[in-house]
Amino acid sequence: MIEILGWFLIFNGLCFIFFGCLGLVRMPDIYCRLQTATKCVTFGAGSILFGTFLISGFSSIGLKSILCLIFLFLNSPTASHALAYGAFFSGVKPVEKTEIEEDFLKDA
């Protein structure tokens, strides 16, 4: 039963990555693409890594996949935020339909 759940999570992760790649092609600017890429990597690769852990158990492969999962959940959103922050303050303009909060601009 655990192995079936592991394979389901791996398939689910592959679907997240596939649809995330489609989203990267369809999104209009860097901010939307960063958001799509971050969700794609975090949920897709995270699901694959956790499925690998469930299949392999507490072996060396399973423990390495859990360590990679923790590293991924900590660093992927942080890197995406840093890239978006840097792009915004270097002058990359968002799409015209984007609403920007005025409080954000006052604090910067």
N, C-alpha and C. Protein backbone atom coordinates (compact mmCIF):
# COMPACT_ATOMS: atom_id res chain seq x y z
N MET A 1 0.81 -1.20 0.00
CA MET A 1 0.00 0.00 0.00
C MET A 1 0.86 1.27 0.00
N ILE A 2 1.93 1.26 0.78
CA ILE A 2 2.83 2.42 0.83
C ILE A 2 3.52 2.61 -0.52
N GLU A 3 3.87 1.50 -1.16
CA GLU A 3 4.53 1.61 -2.46
C GLU A 3 3.59 2.21 -3.51
N ILE A 4 2.32 1.87 -3.45
CA ILE A 4 1.35 2.45 -4.39
C ILE A 4 1.21 3.94 -4.14
N LEU A 5 1.18 4.35 -2.89
CA LEU A 5 1.13 5.77 -2.56
C LEU A 5 2.39 6.49 -3.04
N GLY A 6 3.54 5.84 -2.92
CA GLY A 6 4.79 6.42 -3.41
C GLY A 6 4.76 6.64 -4.91
N TRP A 7 4.29 5.64 -5.65
CA TRP A 7 4.20 5.78 -7.11
C TRP A 7 3.18 6.85 -7.50
N PHE A 8 2.09 6.94 -6.74
CA PHE A 8 1.11 7.98 -7.00
C PHE A 8 1.72 9.37 -6.79
N LEU A 9 2.51 9.54 -5.74
CA LEU A 9 3.15 10.83 -5.49
C LEU A 9 4.17 11.17 -6.58
N ILE A 10 4.89 10.16 -7.06
CA ILE A 10 5.84 10.42 -8.15
C ILE A 10 5.10 10.84 -9.41
N PHE A 11 4.01 10.17 -9.74
CA PHE A 11 3.22 10.55 -10.91
C PHE A 11 2.62 11.94 -10.72
N ASN A 12 2.14 12.24 -9.53
CA ASN A 12 1.59 13.56 -9.22
C ASN A 12 2.67 14.64 -9.40
N GLY A 13 3.89 14.36 -8.95
CA GLY A 13 4.98 15.31 -9.12
C GLY A 13 5.33 15.55 -10.57
N LEU A 14 5.30 14.48 -11.37
CA LEU A 14 5.56 14.64 -12.80
C LEU A 14 4.49 15.49 -13.47
N CYS A 15 3.24 15.33 -13.04
CA CYS A 15 2.15 16.17 -13.58
C CYS A 15 2.34 17.62 -13.19
N PHE A 16 2.73 17.89 -11.94
CA PHE A 16 3.00 19.26 -11.50
C PHE A 16 4.10 19.88 -12.35
N ILE A 17 5.17 19.15 -12.58
CA ILE A 17 6.28 19.69 -13.36
C ILE A 17 5.87 19.93 -14.80
N PHE A 18 5.10 19.02 -15.39
CA PHE A 18 4.66 19.19 -16.77
C PHE A 18 3.78 20.43 -16.91
N PHE A 19 2.77 20.57 -16.05
CA PHE A 19 1.90 21.72 -16.15
C PHE A 19 2.60 23.02 -15.74
N GLY A 20 3.58 22.92 -14.88
CA GLY A 20 4.38 24.10 -14.55
C GLY A 20 5.20 24.57 -15.74
N CYS A 21 5.72 23.64 -16.51
CA CYS A 21 6.46 24.02 -17.72
C CYS A 21 5.54 24.67 -18.74
N LEU A 22 4.31 24.18 -18.86
CA LEU A 22 3.34 24.84 -19.74
C LEU A 22 3.03 26.24 -19.24
N GLY A 23 2.95 26.40 -17.93
CA GLY A 23 2.69 27.71 -17.36
C GLY A 23 3.84 28.68 -17.60
N LEU A 24 5.06 28.18 -17.61
CA LEU A 24 6.20 29.06 -17.90
C LEU A 24 6.13 29.63 -19.31
N VAL A 25 5.63 28.86 -20.24
CA VAL A 25 5.51 29.32 -21.61
C VAL A 25 4.37 30.34 -21.74
N ARG A 26 3.32 30.16 -20.99
CA ARG A 26 2.12 30.98 -21.15
C ARG A 26 2.13 32.28 -20.34
N MET A 27 2.92 32.38 -19.31
CA MET A 27 2.87 33.56 -18.44
C MET A 27 3.52 34.77 -19.11
N PRO A 28 2.99 35.98 -18.82
CA PRO A 28 3.41 37.15 -19.58
C PRO A 28 4.71 37.84 -19.12
N ASP A 29 5.05 37.77 -17.83
CA ASP A 29 6.23 38.50 -17.39
C ASP A 29 7.03 37.68 -16.38
N ILE A 30 8.14 38.25 -15.92
CA ILE A 30 9.06 37.51 -15.06
C ILE A 30 8.44 37.17 -13.71
N TYR A 31 7.58 38.01 -13.21
CA TYR A 31 7.00 37.78 -11.89
C TYR A 31 6.04 36.59 -11.90
N CYS A 32 5.22 36.51 -12.92
CA CYS A 32 4.31 35.36 -13.05
C CYS A 32 5.10 34.09 -13.33
N ARG A 33 6.14 34.20 -14.13
CA ARG A 33 6.96 33.02 -14.43
C ARG A 33 7.71 32.52 -13.20
N LEU A 34 8.18 33.44 -12.37
CA LEU A 34 8.84 33.03 -11.13
C LEU A 34 7.88 32.31 -10.21
N GLN A 35 6.65 32.80 -10.12
CA GLN A 35 5.67 32.17 -9.27
C GLN A 35 5.34 30.77 -9.79
N THR A 36 5.18 30.64 -11.09
CA THR A 36 4.89 29.34 -11.69
C THR A 36 6.05 28.37 -11.51
N ALA A 37 7.26 28.85 -11.73
CA ALA A 37 8.43 27.98 -11.60
C ALA A 37 8.64 27.53 -10.17
N THR A 38 8.38 28.41 -9.21
CA THR A 38 8.56 28.05 -7.82
C THR A 38 7.56 26.99 -7.38
N LYS A 39 6.31 27.17 -7.74
CA LYS A 39 5.31 26.14 -7.40
C LYS A 39 5.60 24.83 -8.10
N CYS A 40 6.02 24.92 -9.35
CA CYS A 40 6.34 23.72 -10.12
C CYS A 40 7.46 22.94 -9.46
N VAL A 41 8.52 23.61 -9.10
CA VAL A 41 9.66 22.93 -8.50
C VAL A 41 9.34 22.45 -7.09
N THR A 42 8.72 23.31 -6.29
CA THR A 42 8.48 22.94 -4.91
C THR A 42 7.51 21.77 -4.79
N PHE A 43 6.38 21.85 -5.45
CA PHE A 43 5.39 20.78 -5.32
C PHE A 43 5.73 19.58 -6.19
N GLY A 44 6.25 19.81 -7.39
CA GLY A 44 6.57 18.70 -8.27
C GLY A 44 7.75 17.87 -7.78
N ALA A 45 8.88 18.52 -7.59
CA ALA A 45 10.06 17.80 -7.12
C ALA A 45 9.88 17.33 -5.68
N GLY A 46 9.16 18.12 -4.87
CA GLY A 46 8.89 17.68 -3.50
C GLY A 46 8.06 16.41 -3.45
N SER A 47 7.07 16.33 -4.31
CA SER A 47 6.25 15.13 -4.38
C SER A 47 7.05 13.93 -4.87
N ILE A 48 7.90 14.15 -5.85
CA ILE A 48 8.75 13.06 -6.35
C ILE A 48 9.71 12.58 -5.26
N LEU A 49 10.31 13.50 -4.54
CA LEU A 49 11.24 13.13 -3.48
C LEU A 49 10.55 12.40 -2.34
N PHE A 50 9.35 12.84 -1.98
CA PHE A 50 8.65 12.16 -0.90
C PHE A 50 8.16 10.79 -1.36
N GLY A 51 7.75 10.68 -2.61
CA GLY A 51 7.38 9.36 -3.15
C GLY A 51 8.56 8.42 -3.18
N THR A 52 9.74 8.93 -3.48
CA THR A 52 10.95 8.12 -3.45
C THR A 52 11.25 7.65 -2.04
N PHE A 53 11.04 8.54 -1.08
CA PHE A 53 11.23 8.14 0.32
C PHE A 53 10.27 7.03 0.72
N LEU A 54 9.00 7.15 0.31
CA LEU A 54 8.03 6.13 0.68
C LEU A 54 8.36 4.78 0.04
N ILE A 55 8.87 4.79 -1.17
CA ILE A 55 9.20 3.54 -1.84
C ILE A 55 10.45 2.91 -1.24
N SER A 56 11.47 3.72 -0.99
CA SER A 56 12.75 3.15 -0.53
C SER A 56 12.82 2.98 0.98
N GLY A 57 12.00 3.68 1.73
CA GLY A 57 12.01 3.55 3.18
C GLY A 57 13.17 4.30 3.82
N PHE A 58 13.58 3.82 4.99
CA PHE A 58 14.67 4.48 5.72
C PHE A 58 16.03 3.95 5.31
N SER A 59 16.25 3.82 4.02
CA SER A 59 17.56 3.43 3.51
C SER A 59 18.36 4.71 3.23
N SER A 60 19.54 4.55 2.66
CA SER A 60 20.34 5.74 2.37
C SER A 60 19.68 6.60 1.29
N ILE A 61 19.01 5.98 0.34
CA ILE A 61 18.31 6.74 -0.69
C ILE A 61 17.15 7.52 -0.08
N GLY A 62 16.40 6.89 0.79
CA GLY A 62 15.26 7.54 1.43
C GLY A 62 15.67 8.72 2.29
N LEU A 63 16.72 8.56 3.06
CA LEU A 63 17.18 9.66 3.92
C LEU A 63 17.75 10.81 3.10
N LYS A 64 18.43 10.50 2.01
CA LYS A 64 18.93 11.55 1.12
C LYS A 64 17.79 12.30 0.46
N SER A 65 16.73 11.58 0.10
CA SER A 65 15.60 12.27 -0.52
C SER A 65 14.89 13.18 0.49
N ILE A 66 14.81 12.77 1.75
CA ILE A 66 14.21 13.64 2.77
C ILE A 66 15.08 14.88 3.01
N LEU A 67 16.40 14.71 3.03
CA LEU A 67 17.29 15.87 3.18
C LEU A 67 17.16 16.83 2.00
N CYS A 68 17.07 16.29 0.81
CA CYS A 68 16.87 17.13 -0.38
C CYS A 68 15.52 17.83 -0.34
N LEU A 69 14.50 17.15 0.17
CA LEU A 69 13.17 17.73 0.28
C LEU A 69 13.17 18.91 1.25
N ILE A 70 13.83 18.76 2.38
CA ILE A 70 13.93 19.86 3.34
C ILE A 70 14.68 21.04 2.74
N PHE A 71 15.79 20.76 2.08
CA PHE A 71 16.58 21.81 1.42
C PHE A 71 15.75 22.51 0.35
N LEU A 72 14.98 21.76 -0.40
CA LEU A 72 14.15 22.32 -1.47
C LEU A 72 13.06 23.22 -0.91
N PHE A 73 12.38 22.77 0.15
CA PHE A 73 11.30 23.57 0.74
C PHE A 73 11.81 24.85 1.39
N LEU A 74 13.05 24.85 1.85
CA LEU A 74 13.60 26.06 2.46
C LEU A 74 14.15 27.04 1.43
N ASN A 75 14.78 26.53 0.39
CA ASN A 75 15.52 27.41 -0.52
C ASN A 75 14.77 27.84 -1.77
N SER A 76 13.86 27.06 -2.27
CA SER A 76 13.17 27.42 -3.50
C SER A 76 12.31 28.68 -3.36
N PRO A 77 11.45 28.79 -2.35
CA PRO A 77 10.68 30.03 -2.21
C PRO A 77 11.56 31.24 -1.86
N THR A 78 12.60 31.02 -1.09
CA THR A 78 13.50 32.11 -0.73
C THR A 78 14.23 32.66 -1.95
N ALA A 79 14.71 31.77 -2.81
CA ALA A 79 15.40 32.21 -4.03
C ALA A 79 14.45 32.92 -4.98
N SER A 80 13.23 32.43 -5.07
CA SER A 80 12.25 33.07 -5.94
C SER A 80 11.92 34.48 -5.45
N HIS A 81 11.77 34.63 -4.14
CA HIS A 81 11.50 35.95 -3.58
C HIS A 81 12.66 36.90 -3.84
N ALA A 82 13.87 36.43 -3.68
CA ALA A 82 15.04 37.28 -3.91
C ALA A 82 15.14 37.70 -5.38
N LEU A 83 14.84 36.79 -6.30
CA LEU A 83 14.87 37.13 -7.72
C LEU A 83 13.78 38.14 -8.08
N ALA A 84 12.58 37.97 -7.54
CA ALA A 84 11.50 38.91 -7.83
C ALA A 84 11.80 40.28 -7.22
N TYR A 85 12.33 40.30 -6.03
CA TYR A 85 12.69 41.56 -5.37
C TYR A 85 13.76 42.29 -6.17
N GLY A 86 14.77 41.55 -6.60
CA GLY A 86 15.83 42.16 -7.40
C GLY A 86 15.35 42.65 -8.75
N ALA A 87 14.45 41.90 -9.37
CA ALA A 87 13.92 42.32 -10.67
C ALA A 87 13.08 43.58 -10.53
N PHE A 88 12.29 43.65 -9.48
CA PHE A 88 11.43 44.82 -9.28
C PHE A 88 12.25 46.07 -9.05
N PHE A 89 13.27 45.98 -8.22
CA PHE A 89 14.04 47.17 -7.90
C PHE A 89 15.14 47.47 -8.90
N SER A 90 15.34 46.61 -9.87
CA SER A 90 16.25 46.96 -10.96
C SER A 90 15.50 47.57 -12.14
N GLY A 91 14.18 47.65 -12.03
CA GLY A 91 13.41 48.37 -13.03
C GLY A 91 12.64 47.52 -14.00
N VAL A 92 12.55 46.22 -13.79
CA VAL A 92 11.76 45.38 -14.68
C VAL A 92 10.29 45.64 -14.41
N LYS A 93 9.58 46.09 -15.42
CA LYS A 93 8.18 46.47 -15.26
C LYS A 93 7.27 45.24 -15.39
N PRO A 94 6.28 45.15 -14.51
CA PRO A 94 5.29 44.08 -14.66
C PRO A 94 4.29 44.41 -15.78
N VAL A 95 3.43 43.46 -16.07
CA VAL A 95 2.40 43.65 -17.08
C VAL A 95 1.47 44.78 -16.63
N GLU A 96 0.83 45.45 -17.58
CA GLU A 96 -0.03 46.60 -17.26
C GLU A 96 -1.18 46.23 -16.32
N LYS A 97 -1.68 45.00 -16.38
CA LYS A 97 -2.81 44.59 -15.55
C LYS A 97 -2.44 44.35 -14.10
N THR A 98 -1.16 44.36 -13.76
CA THR A 98 -0.71 44.06 -12.41
C THR A 98 -1.00 45.23 -11.48
N GLU A 99 -1.56 44.92 -10.32
CA GLU A 99 -1.82 45.94 -9.30
C GLU A 99 -0.71 45.88 -8.27
N ILE A 100 -0.09 47.03 -7.98
CA ILE A 100 1.00 47.11 -7.02
C ILE A 100 0.51 47.87 -5.80
N GLU A 101 0.73 47.32 -4.61
CA GLU A 101 0.31 47.98 -3.39
C GLU A 101 1.23 49.17 -3.11
N GLU A 102 0.63 50.28 -2.78
CA GLU A 102 1.40 51.50 -2.53
C GLU A 102 2.22 51.39 -1.24
N ASP A 103 1.76 50.60 -0.27
CA ASP A 103 2.51 50.41 0.97
C ASP A 103 3.85 49.75 0.69
N PHE A 104 3.88 48.86 -0.29
CA PHE A 104 5.13 48.18 -0.64
C PHE A 104 6.15 49.17 -1.19
N LEU A 105 5.69 50.11 -1.99
CA LEU A 105 6.61 51.08 -2.57
C LEU A 105 7.12 52.08 -1.54
N LYS A 106 6.31 52.41 -0.51
CA LYS A 106 6.75 53.35 0.53
C LYS A 106 7.83 52.73 1.40
N ASP A 107 7.71 51.42 1.68
CA ASP A 107 8.68 50.76 2.56
C ASP A 107 10.03 50.55 1.89
N ALA A 108 10.07 50.53 0.59
CA ALA A 108 11.31 50.22 -0.12
C ALA A 108 12.22 51.40 -0.25
